[in-house]
Protein backbone atom coordinates (compact mmCIF):
# COMPACT_ATOMS: atom_id res chain seq x y z
CA MET A 1 118.23 94.33 37.03
CA LYS A 2 118.86 91.18 35.04
CA CYS A 3 117.97 88.16 37.17
CA ALA A 4 118.41 84.47 36.51
CA LEU A 5 116.56 81.86 38.57
CA VAL A 6 118.23 78.46 38.32
CA ILE A 7 117.39 74.88 39.21
CA PRO A 8 120.70 72.96 38.94
CA SER A 9 120.96 70.17 36.40
CA TRP A 10 119.73 66.75 37.47
CA VAL A 11 118.63 63.44 35.97
CA PRO A 12 115.91 60.99 37.11
CA GLU A 13 118.49 58.50 38.33
CA ASP A 14 119.59 61.08 40.92
CA ILE A 15 116.26 60.43 42.67
CA PHE A 16 114.83 57.12 41.50
CA SER A 17 116.19 53.65 40.96
CA SER A 18 117.42 53.37 37.37
CA LYS A 19 115.21 50.29 36.97
CA THR A 20 111.96 52.00 37.98
CA ALA A 21 112.62 55.66 37.14
CA ALA A 22 110.50 55.55 33.99
CA SER A 23 107.35 54.76 36.00
CA GLN A 24 108.11 57.20 38.83
CA ILE A 25 109.68 60.27 37.24
CA ASN A 26 107.72 63.48 37.33
CA TYR A 27 108.44 67.02 36.21
CA TRP A 28 106.31 69.38 38.29
CA GLN A 29 106.10 73.03 37.45
CA PRO A 30 108.32 74.71 40.11
CA LEU A 31 105.67 77.01 41.54
CA GLY A 32 107.83 78.58 44.25
CA THR A 33 110.41 79.74 41.71
CA LEU A 34 107.73 80.88 39.27
CA TYR A 35 106.02 82.94 41.97
CA VAL A 36 109.31 84.72 42.72
CA ALA A 37 109.85 85.27 38.99
CA SER A 38 106.43 86.82 38.48
CA TYR A 39 106.88 89.13 41.47
CA LEU A 40 110.26 90.33 40.19
CA MET A 41 108.88 90.84 36.69
CA LYS A 42 106.03 92.90 38.11
CA ALA A 43 108.68 95.04 39.88
CA GLY A 44 110.32 95.73 36.52
CA HIS A 45 113.22 93.28 36.55
CA GLU A 46 114.25 91.16 33.57
CA VAL A 47 114.01 87.50 34.56
CA LYS A 48 115.32 84.33 32.94
CA PHE A 49 114.46 80.87 34.26
CA LEU A 50 116.82 77.93 33.67
CA ASN A 51 115.55 74.49 34.67
CA GLY A 52 118.17 71.79 35.09
CA ALA A 53 115.53 69.11 34.62
CA PHE A 54 115.79 69.81 30.91
CA MET A 55 119.23 71.40 30.60
CA LYS A 56 122.68 69.95 31.07
CA HIS A 57 125.06 71.73 33.41
CA HIS A 58 127.15 73.20 30.60
CA GLU A 59 124.01 74.46 28.90
CA ILE A 60 122.99 76.35 32.04
CA LEU A 61 126.44 77.90 32.30
CA GLY A 62 126.39 78.83 28.63
CA SER A 63 122.99 80.49 28.94
CA LEU A 64 124.14 82.44 32.00
CA SER A 65 127.28 83.57 30.20
CA GLU A 66 125.18 84.86 27.33
CA PHE A 67 122.52 86.51 29.54
CA ARG A 68 125.08 88.01 32.00
CA PRO A 69 122.69 88.48 34.93
CA ASP A 70 123.37 90.81 37.85
CA PHE A 71 121.64 88.46 40.28
CA ILE A 72 121.32 84.66 40.30
CA GLY A 73 118.94 82.76 42.55
CA ILE A 74 119.61 79.03 42.89
CA TYR A 75 116.85 76.71 44.11
CA SER A 76 117.80 73.70 46.20
CA THR A 77 116.16 70.71 47.82
CA THR A 78 118.04 68.62 50.38
CA PHE A 79 119.19 65.95 47.93
CA GLY A 80 120.14 68.68 45.44
CA TRP A 81 122.31 70.75 47.79
CA LYS A 82 125.62 69.37 46.52
CA LYS A 83 124.60 70.29 42.99
CA ALA A 84 123.59 73.77 44.11
CA VAL A 85 127.00 74.33 45.73
CA PHE A 86 128.75 73.02 42.63
CA THR A 87 126.65 75.22 40.37
CA ALA A 88 127.48 78.31 42.44
CA SER A 89 131.20 77.54 42.25
CA GLU A 90 131.03 77.01 38.50
CA ILE A 91 129.18 80.28 38.05
CA ARG A 92 131.94 82.05 39.96
CA ARG A 93 134.51 80.40 37.75
CA ILE A 94 133.03 81.35 34.40
CA MET A 95 130.92 84.44 35.09
CA LYS A 96 133.60 87.09 35.43
CA VAL A 97 132.76 90.19 33.41
CA ASP A 98 135.34 92.78 32.38
CA TYR A 99 134.23 96.28 33.41
CA SER A 100 135.78 97.84 30.33
CA LYS A 101 133.65 95.67 28.03
CA ASN A 102 130.54 95.59 30.20
CA PRO A 103 130.19 98.75 32.30
CA PRO A 104 128.36 98.16 35.60
CA LEU A 105 124.68 99.03 35.51
CA SER A 106 124.62 100.24 39.09
CA PRO A 107 126.82 100.96 42.10
CA PHE A 108 126.38 97.47 43.51
CA VAL A 109 129.49 96.25 41.67
CA LYS A 110 131.73 98.98 43.02
CA GLY A 111 134.13 98.56 45.89
CA GLY A 112 133.18 99.99 49.23
CA SER A 113 129.49 99.17 48.85
CA GLY A 114 129.48 96.97 51.91
CA LEU A 115 128.82 93.93 49.77
CA PRO A 116 131.15 90.92 49.75
CA GLU A 117 134.62 91.79 48.50
CA SER A 118 135.49 88.21 47.74
CA PRO A 119 135.28 86.78 45.17
CA ARG A 120 133.91 89.84 43.40
CA GLY A 121 135.75 93.10 42.72
CA LYS A 122 139.22 91.82 41.94
CA GLY A 123 141.29 93.01 38.98
CA GLY A 124 138.51 94.91 37.26
CA PHE A 125 136.14 91.96 37.15
CA ARG A 126 132.85 91.21 38.84
CA THR A 127 130.56 88.22 39.20
CA PRO A 128 126.81 88.14 39.82
CA TYR A 129 125.32 88.26 43.29
CA ILE A 130 124.35 84.67 44.12
CA ALA A 131 121.59 83.73 46.55
CA VAL A 132 120.04 80.36 47.34
CA GLY A 133 116.52 79.45 48.37
CA GLY A 134 114.27 76.43 48.60
CA PRO A 135 113.53 73.82 51.29
CA TYR A 136 117.12 73.04 52.26
CA PRO A 137 118.39 76.66 52.49
CA ILE A 138 115.24 77.66 54.38
CA ALA A 139 115.90 74.93 56.93
CA MET A 140 119.69 75.24 57.23
CA GLN A 141 120.13 79.03 56.72
CA GLU A 142 123.63 80.22 57.74
CA LYS A 143 125.07 76.71 57.36
CA CYS A 144 124.64 77.14 53.62
CA LEU A 145 127.03 80.09 53.66
CA GLN A 146 129.45 78.06 55.76
CA ASP A 147 129.28 75.28 53.17
CA SER A 148 130.13 77.54 50.24
CA LEU A 149 132.12 80.76 49.95
CA ASP A 150 130.63 81.20 46.46
CA ILE A 151 127.16 81.93 47.86
CA ASP A 152 126.43 85.49 49.00
CA ALA A 153 123.05 85.10 50.68
CA VAL A 154 120.30 82.71 51.75
CA VAL A 155 116.58 83.43 51.49
CA THR A 156 115.13 81.93 54.66
CA GLY A 157 111.40 81.97 53.89
CA GLU A 158 108.93 82.88 51.16
CA GLY A 159 110.94 84.57 48.45
CA GLU A 160 108.68 87.03 46.68
CA LEU A 161 108.98 90.12 48.90
CA THR A 162 112.42 89.21 50.20
CA VAL A 163 114.17 88.87 46.84
CA ALA A 164 112.52 92.04 45.52
CA GLU A 165 113.83 93.99 48.51
CA MET A 166 117.26 92.41 48.11
CA LEU A 167 117.46 93.58 44.50
CA GLU A 168 116.45 97.08 45.50
CA ARG A 169 119.28 97.22 48.04
CA ILE A 170 121.84 95.58 45.77
CA SER A 171 121.04 97.86 42.82
CA HIS A 172 121.87 100.89 44.98
CA GLY A 173 124.98 99.41 46.51
CA ASP A 174 123.40 99.17 49.95
CA SER A 175 123.96 96.51 52.58
CA LEU A 176 121.32 93.83 53.09
CA GLU A 177 121.37 94.41 56.83
CA GLY A 178 117.80 94.64 58.08
CA VAL A 179 116.21 92.93 55.07
CA GLU A 180 113.88 90.43 56.70
CA GLY A 181 114.24 86.82 55.63
CA VAL A 182 117.91 86.96 54.60
CA VAL A 183 121.17 85.56 55.89
CA PHE A 184 124.09 87.14 54.05
CA ARG A 185 127.84 87.48 53.90
CA GLU A 186 129.42 90.87 54.48
CA GLY A 187 133.05 91.74 55.08
CA GLY A 188 133.94 88.22 56.11
CA ARG A 189 131.01 88.00 58.54
CA ILE A 190 127.77 86.08 58.25
CA ILE A 191 124.84 88.25 59.27
CA LYS A 192 121.45 86.75 60.08
CA ASN A 193 118.50 89.12 59.72
CA PRO A 194 115.14 88.52 61.43
CA PRO A 195 112.71 86.22 59.60
CA ARG A 196 110.15 87.80 57.32
CA PRO A 197 106.52 87.34 58.35
CA LEU A 198 104.67 84.99 56.04
CA ILE A 199 102.45 86.54 53.38
CA THR A 200 98.89 86.52 54.63
CA ASP A 201 97.23 88.26 51.67
CA VAL A 202 98.09 85.57 49.14
CA ASP A 203 95.61 87.05 46.66
CA SER A 204 97.99 90.00 46.33
CA LEU A 205 100.65 87.88 44.60
CA PRO A 206 100.79 87.77 40.79
CA PHE A 207 100.18 84.35 39.29
CA PRO A 208 103.24 82.14 38.66
CA ALA A 209 105.19 83.12 35.52
CA ARG A 210 104.46 79.96 33.55
CA GLU A 211 105.40 81.81 30.37
CA LEU A 212 109.04 81.30 31.40
CA LEU A 213 108.73 77.50 31.24
CA GLY A 214 109.13 77.09 27.50
CA ASP A 215 107.40 73.97 26.21
CA ALA A 216 104.65 73.22 28.73
CA ASN A 217 104.46 69.62 27.52
CA HIS A 218 107.78 68.92 29.25
CA TYR A 219 106.12 69.35 32.63
CA ILE A 220 104.20 66.14 33.15
CA PRO A 221 103.57 63.95 36.22
CA PRO A 222 104.46 60.23 36.24
CA PRO A 223 102.74 57.94 33.73
CA ALA A 224 99.15 57.02 34.64
CA THR A 225 98.77 60.06 36.90
CA TYR A 226 97.30 62.44 34.34
CA LYS A 227 94.64 62.25 31.63
CA ARG A 228 95.40 65.21 29.41
CA LYS A 229 98.32 67.48 28.73
CA PRO A 230 99.78 69.98 29.07
CA VAL A 231 99.35 69.83 32.85
CA ALA A 232 99.47 72.90 35.11
CA VAL A 233 99.83 72.84 38.88
CA ILE A 234 98.03 75.30 41.15
CA MET A 235 98.16 75.98 44.87
CA THR A 236 94.89 77.40 46.15
CA ALA A 237 96.35 77.92 49.64
CA ARG A 238 99.66 78.03 51.46
CA GLY A 239 100.60 76.28 54.66
CA CYS A 240 99.13 73.51 56.77
CA ASN A 241 97.59 73.32 60.23
CA ARG A 242 98.47 69.69 60.83
CA ARG A 243 101.59 68.42 62.63
CA CYS A 244 102.91 65.31 60.87
CA ILE A 245 106.49 64.83 62.09
CA PHE A 246 107.87 64.30 58.57
CA CYS A 247 106.29 67.34 56.89
CA PHE A 248 108.33 70.46 56.17
CA GLN A 249 106.59 73.80 56.62
CA ILE A 250 108.10 77.29 56.67
CA ASP A 251 105.72 78.04 59.55
CA ARG A 252 107.16 75.38 61.85
CA GLU A 253 104.90 76.24 64.75
CA ARG A 254 101.81 76.34 62.49
CA LYS A 255 100.95 79.75 63.99
CA LEU A 256 99.22 80.99 60.84
CA GLY A 257 97.81 77.65 59.78
CA ILE A 258 96.45 77.68 56.24
CA ARG A 259 96.46 80.92 54.24
CA TYR A 260 93.66 80.60 51.73
CA ARG A 261 93.31 82.34 48.41
CA SER A 262 89.83 83.56 47.59
CA VAL A 263 87.71 81.34 45.38
CA GLU A 264 87.51 84.11 42.78
CA ASN A 265 91.30 84.47 42.71
CA VAL A 266 91.61 80.72 42.11
CA MET A 267 89.07 80.92 39.28
CA GLN A 268 91.09 83.70 37.65
CA GLU A 269 94.23 81.57 37.67
CA ILE A 270 92.33 78.61 36.23
CA GLU A 271 91.04 80.84 33.44
CA LEU A 272 94.58 82.05 32.73
CA CYS A 273 95.90 78.49 32.57
CA LEU A 274 93.17 77.52 30.14
CA ARG A 275 93.98 80.52 27.94
CA GLN A 276 97.62 79.43 28.00
CA GLY A 277 96.57 76.06 26.60
CA TYR A 278 96.62 73.83 29.68
CA ARG A 279 94.12 70.99 29.63
CA GLU A 280 94.62 69.47 33.06
CA ILE A 281 95.30 70.97 36.49
CA LYS A 282 96.75 69.37 39.60
CA PHE A 283 95.85 71.16 42.79
CA ILE A 284 98.86 70.59 45.02
CA ASP A 285 97.67 72.10 48.29
CA ASP A 286 98.73 70.03 51.30
CA THR A 287 95.05 69.23 51.57
CA PHE A 288 92.53 70.65 49.14
CA ALA A 289 89.58 69.99 51.46
CA ALA A 290 90.89 71.48 54.71
CA ASP A 291 88.01 73.98 54.47
CA TYR A 292 85.11 71.77 53.40
CA ASP A 293 82.76 74.58 52.37
CA ARG A 294 85.48 76.33 50.36
CA ALA A 295 86.39 73.10 48.54
CA MET A 296 82.72 72.62 47.68
CA LYS A 297 82.48 76.22 46.46
CA ILE A 298 85.51 75.79 44.18
CA THR A 299 84.01 72.68 42.61
CA GLN A 300 80.67 74.42 42.13
CA GLU A 301 82.35 77.40 40.47
CA ILE A 302 84.36 75.17 38.13
CA ARG A 303 81.18 73.41 37.08
CA SER A 304 79.01 76.54 36.75
CA ARG A 305 81.61 78.27 34.57
CA ARG A 306 81.77 75.23 32.28
CA PHE A 307 85.55 75.08 32.35
CA ASP A 308 86.92 72.39 30.04
CA PHE A 309 89.73 70.67 31.91
CA THR A 310 90.37 67.57 33.97
CA TRP A 311 91.83 67.86 37.45
CA PHE A 312 93.40 66.04 40.36
CA ALA A 313 93.59 66.94 44.06
CA SER A 314 95.00 65.69 47.36
CA ALA A 315 92.89 65.48 50.51
CA CYS A 316 93.03 64.16 54.05
CA VAL A 317 90.77 61.16 54.56
CA HIS A 318 88.88 62.68 57.50
CA GLN A 319 88.08 65.88 55.58
CA VAL A 320 86.06 64.37 52.72
CA ASP A 321 82.76 62.56 52.36
CA GLY A 322 80.52 61.18 49.64
CA PRO A 323 78.80 64.48 48.70
CA LEU A 324 82.10 66.37 48.34
CA LEU A 325 83.77 63.61 46.35
CA ARG A 326 80.75 63.34 44.04
CA ALA A 327 80.95 67.11 43.57
CA PHE A 328 84.61 66.73 42.64
CA LYS A 329 83.68 64.17 39.99
CA ALA A 330 80.85 66.29 38.59
CA ALA A 331 83.24 69.25 38.24
CA GLY A 332 85.78 67.32 36.17
CA CYS A 333 88.00 65.80 38.84
CA TRP A 334 89.18 62.36 37.79
CA ALA A 335 91.51 61.41 40.66
CA VAL A 336 92.20 62.06 44.33
CA LEU A 337 95.23 61.26 46.48
CA PHE A 338 94.87 60.24 50.12
CA GLY A 339 98.03 60.10 52.26
CA ALA A 340 97.38 56.74 53.90
CA GLU A 341 101.00 56.25 55.11
CA SER A 342 100.40 53.09 57.18
CA GLY A 343 97.93 50.32 57.88
CA VAL A 344 98.92 50.13 61.56
CA GLN A 345 97.18 52.60 63.86
CA ARG A 346 100.10 52.75 66.28
CA ASN A 347 102.38 53.89 63.44
CA LEU A 348 99.89 56.55 62.35
CA ASN A 349 99.74 57.87 65.89
CA THR A 350 103.53 58.03 66.15
CA ILE A 351 103.86 60.25 63.07
CA ARG A 352 100.95 62.41 64.30
CA LYS A 353 98.94 61.80 61.17
CA GLY A 354 95.70 62.50 63.01
CA ILE A 355 93.67 59.88 61.14
CA THR A 356 92.50 56.31 61.67
CA THR A 357 92.62 53.24 59.48
CA ASP A 358 88.82 53.19 59.45
CA GLN A 359 88.78 56.76 58.11
CA ILE A 360 91.17 55.68 55.36
CA ARG A 361 88.88 52.80 54.43
CA ARG A 362 85.79 55.02 54.34
CA ALA A 363 87.46 57.72 52.23
CA VAL A 364 88.84 55.26 49.68
CA THR A 365 85.47 53.53 49.40
CA ALA A 366 83.62 56.84 49.02
CA ALA A 367 86.02 58.04 46.33
CA LYS A 368 85.76 54.83 44.33
CA THR A 369 81.97 54.92 44.67
CA ALA A 370 82.03 58.49 43.31
CA GLY A 371 83.91 57.21 40.25
CA LEU A 372 87.27 58.75 41.12
CA THR A 373 90.65 57.13 40.56
CA VAL A 374 92.30 56.72 43.97
CA TYR A 375 95.99 57.08 44.83
CA THR A 376 97.37 56.11 48.24
CA PRO A 377 101.04 56.58 49.18
CA PHE A 378 102.47 54.55 52.07
CA LEU A 379 105.66 54.95 54.11
CA PHE A 380 108.15 52.44 55.44
CA GLY A 381 110.75 53.18 58.09
CA LEU A 382 108.39 55.01 60.46
CA PRO A 383 109.62 55.52 64.02
CA GLY A 384 108.75 52.43 66.05
CA GLN A 385 107.67 50.51 62.94
CA THR A 386 108.75 46.88 62.76
CA PHE A 387 109.15 44.65 59.73
CA GLU A 388 105.91 42.92 60.77
CA ASP A 389 104.15 46.30 60.84
CA GLY A 390 105.39 46.84 57.30
CA LEU A 391 103.91 43.54 56.20
CA LYS A 392 100.57 44.55 57.74
CA THR A 393 100.72 47.83 55.80
CA ILE A 394 101.19 45.87 52.56
CA GLU A 395 98.15 43.76 53.45
CA PHE A 396 96.20 46.92 54.22
CA ALA A 397 97.13 48.44 50.84
CA CYS A 398 95.93 45.34 49.04
CA GLU A 399 92.72 45.33 51.10
CA LEU A 400 92.02 48.98 50.20
CA ASP A 401 92.64 48.18 46.54
CA PRO A 402 93.26 51.76 45.35
CA ASP A 403 93.95 52.26 41.67
CA ILE A 404 97.54 53.29 42.35
CA ALA A 405 99.62 52.75 45.49
CA ASN A 406 103.12 54.02 46.12
CA PHE A 407 105.56 52.87 48.75
CA HIS A 408 108.20 55.34 49.92
CA ALA A 409 110.91 55.45 52.56
CA LEU A 410 110.26 57.98 55.31
CA THR A 411 112.72 60.88 54.96
CA PRO A 412 113.83 63.21 57.80
CA PHE A 413 114.01 66.43 55.80
CA PRO A 414 115.78 69.30 57.58
CA GLY A 415 113.32 71.57 59.32
CA THR A 416 110.91 68.80 60.29
CA GLU A 417 110.09 67.47 63.74
CA LEU A 418 111.72 64.18 62.73
CA TYR A 419 115.01 65.84 61.74
CA ASP A 420 115.13 68.19 64.71
CA ASN A 421 114.63 65.34 67.21
CA LEU A 422 116.43 62.58 65.38
CA GLU A 423 118.01 60.98 68.44
CA LYS A 424 114.49 60.27 69.73
CA TYR A 425 113.46 58.33 66.64
CA GLY A 426 116.43 56.66 64.94
CA THR A 427 119.56 57.29 62.85
CA MET A 428 120.17 59.24 59.67
CA SER A 429 122.28 58.86 56.56
CA GLY A 430 125.13 61.31 56.18
CA ASP A 431 124.60 61.46 52.42
CA LEU A 432 122.17 64.21 51.39
CA THR A 433 121.50 62.45 48.07
CA ASP A 434 119.57 59.83 50.07
CA PHE A 435 116.92 62.42 50.97
CA THR A 436 114.50 61.57 48.17
CA TYR A 437 111.81 59.28 49.66
CA GLN A 438 113.74 56.57 47.82
CA GLY A 439 117.10 56.26 49.59
CA ALA A 440 116.09 55.26 53.15
CA ALA A 441 117.86 58.28 54.64
CA PHE A 442 116.23 57.51 58.02
CA ILE A 443 116.49 54.21 59.89
CA PRO A 444 114.26 53.78 62.97
CA TYR A 445 115.67 51.93 65.93
CA THR A 446 113.19 49.12 65.27
CA MET A 447 114.23 48.32 61.70
CA THR A 448 117.27 48.02 59.43
CA ARG A 449 118.02 49.72 56.15
CA ASP A 450 117.81 46.41 54.29
CA GLU A 451 114.40 45.70 55.83
CA ILE A 452 113.06 49.04 54.55
CA SER A 453 114.37 48.31 51.05
CA ASN A 454 112.97 44.79 51.15
CA LEU A 455 109.56 46.03 52.30
CA ARG A 456 109.38 48.57 49.48
CA GLN A 457 110.24 45.99 46.84
CA LEU A 458 107.89 43.40 48.34
CA ALA A 459 105.07 45.95 48.53
CA PHE A 460 105.31 46.90 44.86
CA LYS A 461 105.52 43.26 43.81
CA ARG A 462 102.55 42.11 45.90
CA PHE A 463 100.32 45.05 45.11
CA TYR A 464 100.89 45.26 41.37
CA SER A 465 101.16 41.52 40.70
CA ARG A 466 97.68 40.72 42.00
CA PRO A 467 95.56 39.17 39.23
CA ARG A 468 92.68 41.45 40.28
CA PHE A 469 94.82 44.53 39.72
CA ILE A 470 96.22 43.33 36.39
CA VAL A 471 92.79 42.45 35.00
CA LYS A 472 91.35 45.79 36.15
CA ARG A 473 94.25 47.64 34.57
CA ILE A 474 93.88 45.86 31.23
CA LEU A 475 90.12 46.42 31.16
CA GLY A 476 90.67 50.08 31.96
CA LEU A 477 92.84 50.78 28.91
CA ARG A 478 91.09 53.46 26.87
CA SER A 479 93.77 55.25 24.88
CA VAL A 480 97.30 55.10 23.51
CA HIS A 481 98.39 57.09 26.55
CA ASP A 482 96.87 54.43 28.84
CA MET A 483 98.70 51.67 26.96
CA LYS A 484 102.05 53.48 27.14
CA ALA A 485 101.61 54.08 30.87
CA ALA A 486 100.70 50.42 31.43
CA ALA A 487 103.71 49.24 29.43
CA THR A 488 106.03 51.45 31.49
CA GLY A 489 104.51 50.13 34.71
CA PHE A 490 104.82 46.50 33.69
CA LYS A 491 108.45 47.04 32.71
CA SER A 492 109.19 48.41 36.18
CA LEU A 493 107.29 45.50 37.73
CA PHE A 494 109.46 43.08 35.74
CA TYR A 495 112.61 44.58 37.28
CA LEU A 496 111.05 44.33 40.74
CA TRP A 497 110.61 40.60 40.23
CA VAL A 498 113.97 39.77 38.66
CA LYS A 499 116.21 42.13 40.66
CA SER A 500 116.76 41.63 44.38
CA ASN A 501 118.16 45.05 45.27
CA VAL A 502 116.25 47.62 43.25
CA PHE A 503 115.82 50.06 46.16
CA ARG A 504 119.13 49.54 47.92
CA GLY A 505 121.98 52.02 47.72
CA GLY A 506 123.45 55.06 49.37
CA ASN A 507 125.18 55.20 52.73
CA PRO A 508 123.81 53.48 55.80
CA GLY A 509 122.46 55.63 58.56
């Protein structure tokens, strides 16, 4: 079958403040979608990937009209759900195909197949089968079908096996009843199938279909967060065994914990990326060092095989030490991200972070001693957090003195402990476009929306205006890329100083 996988069109200002977007915007390779694509290609399907990060809405529709797929999968985050619904409706509007000019490839377009009779199958025309997947559909499931009559089905978990089985059923005109991991529309009813067990043998999956991306140089992280390009992203494991209340996981109960790929399988994907021309890799596991010995083995293998690339990883502060971080550096790692989140222990305990402020200090010190660039994101608007707690977190960030600090608003994404027990923690915005870490979608009972916005702006100003930071940044300039990144950062800092409402906007909770 001909399949199109679509990320609806979006622009940086949909997520970031227009005044600071240039220093925050990032274009990650969409690994989840690329994994599904590679699995479908391996099964013999023809797959086209359309990424709305680099295509306008009308360009996506034009490409779909030309390709004329039988199946369209639309990816959606929470903030992007309105765009996903709009995209589905527009596809229905323009993607009618006359049978007489384009004979059906299979029985799935015929009446009486048990598939939805509306809007397809009227007057000799058909439209593609449309399914949605991604974090928001996984969390909300049948509500997505209630939101839009243009959507036929929702993939409620990992998509590789599920979508492949869906296509097999659809191509033969069979109902999707019984296909694990699907909620679908049939004969005016919404049918919810049992969930599909998570994939435990992650080595069995083909590597993401990066060949569908087009120009790899489009996919770059924010300025100052990479050394070389093009940049590939790799997940060496799936899942997490920790219980932070703001983290979305398909395995909500953490029954399977972390599903690791073998070290050899990871090395094979690295080799493939290098053959494809990538010069830097970002390992985007929830925590790269959850298995200390495995993380050490990966670094040793990278070094022994003399791979020529720079890399970046995220880790929990209590899972690393000096020897591991020095091994990272020796194997080509140039930066590490530690999710610090707060400088107040009470706040860390509330969000079930499972770390201490002393562990944060030790990890940051050990990483800087090893010669690594250190990134530490922080969160404002935590349950029980006060404005004074926020000020202490700013002081803590300045005390740590990482190379880069970011300051986000806590977001209650659907499917998280925070979202599911909202009344316990605070109030929530009714506007899904606020769900971006930027829009203060969540307001704890102990703080106001304006206080969260003020804390974010104050944090950026205080941290990045320190003479110590500015001098260090200037002395660290080594290339044209470094100078461009610094110029972008200083421009954003200028707006933070002269504008009083950079991070305000959206609907109050």
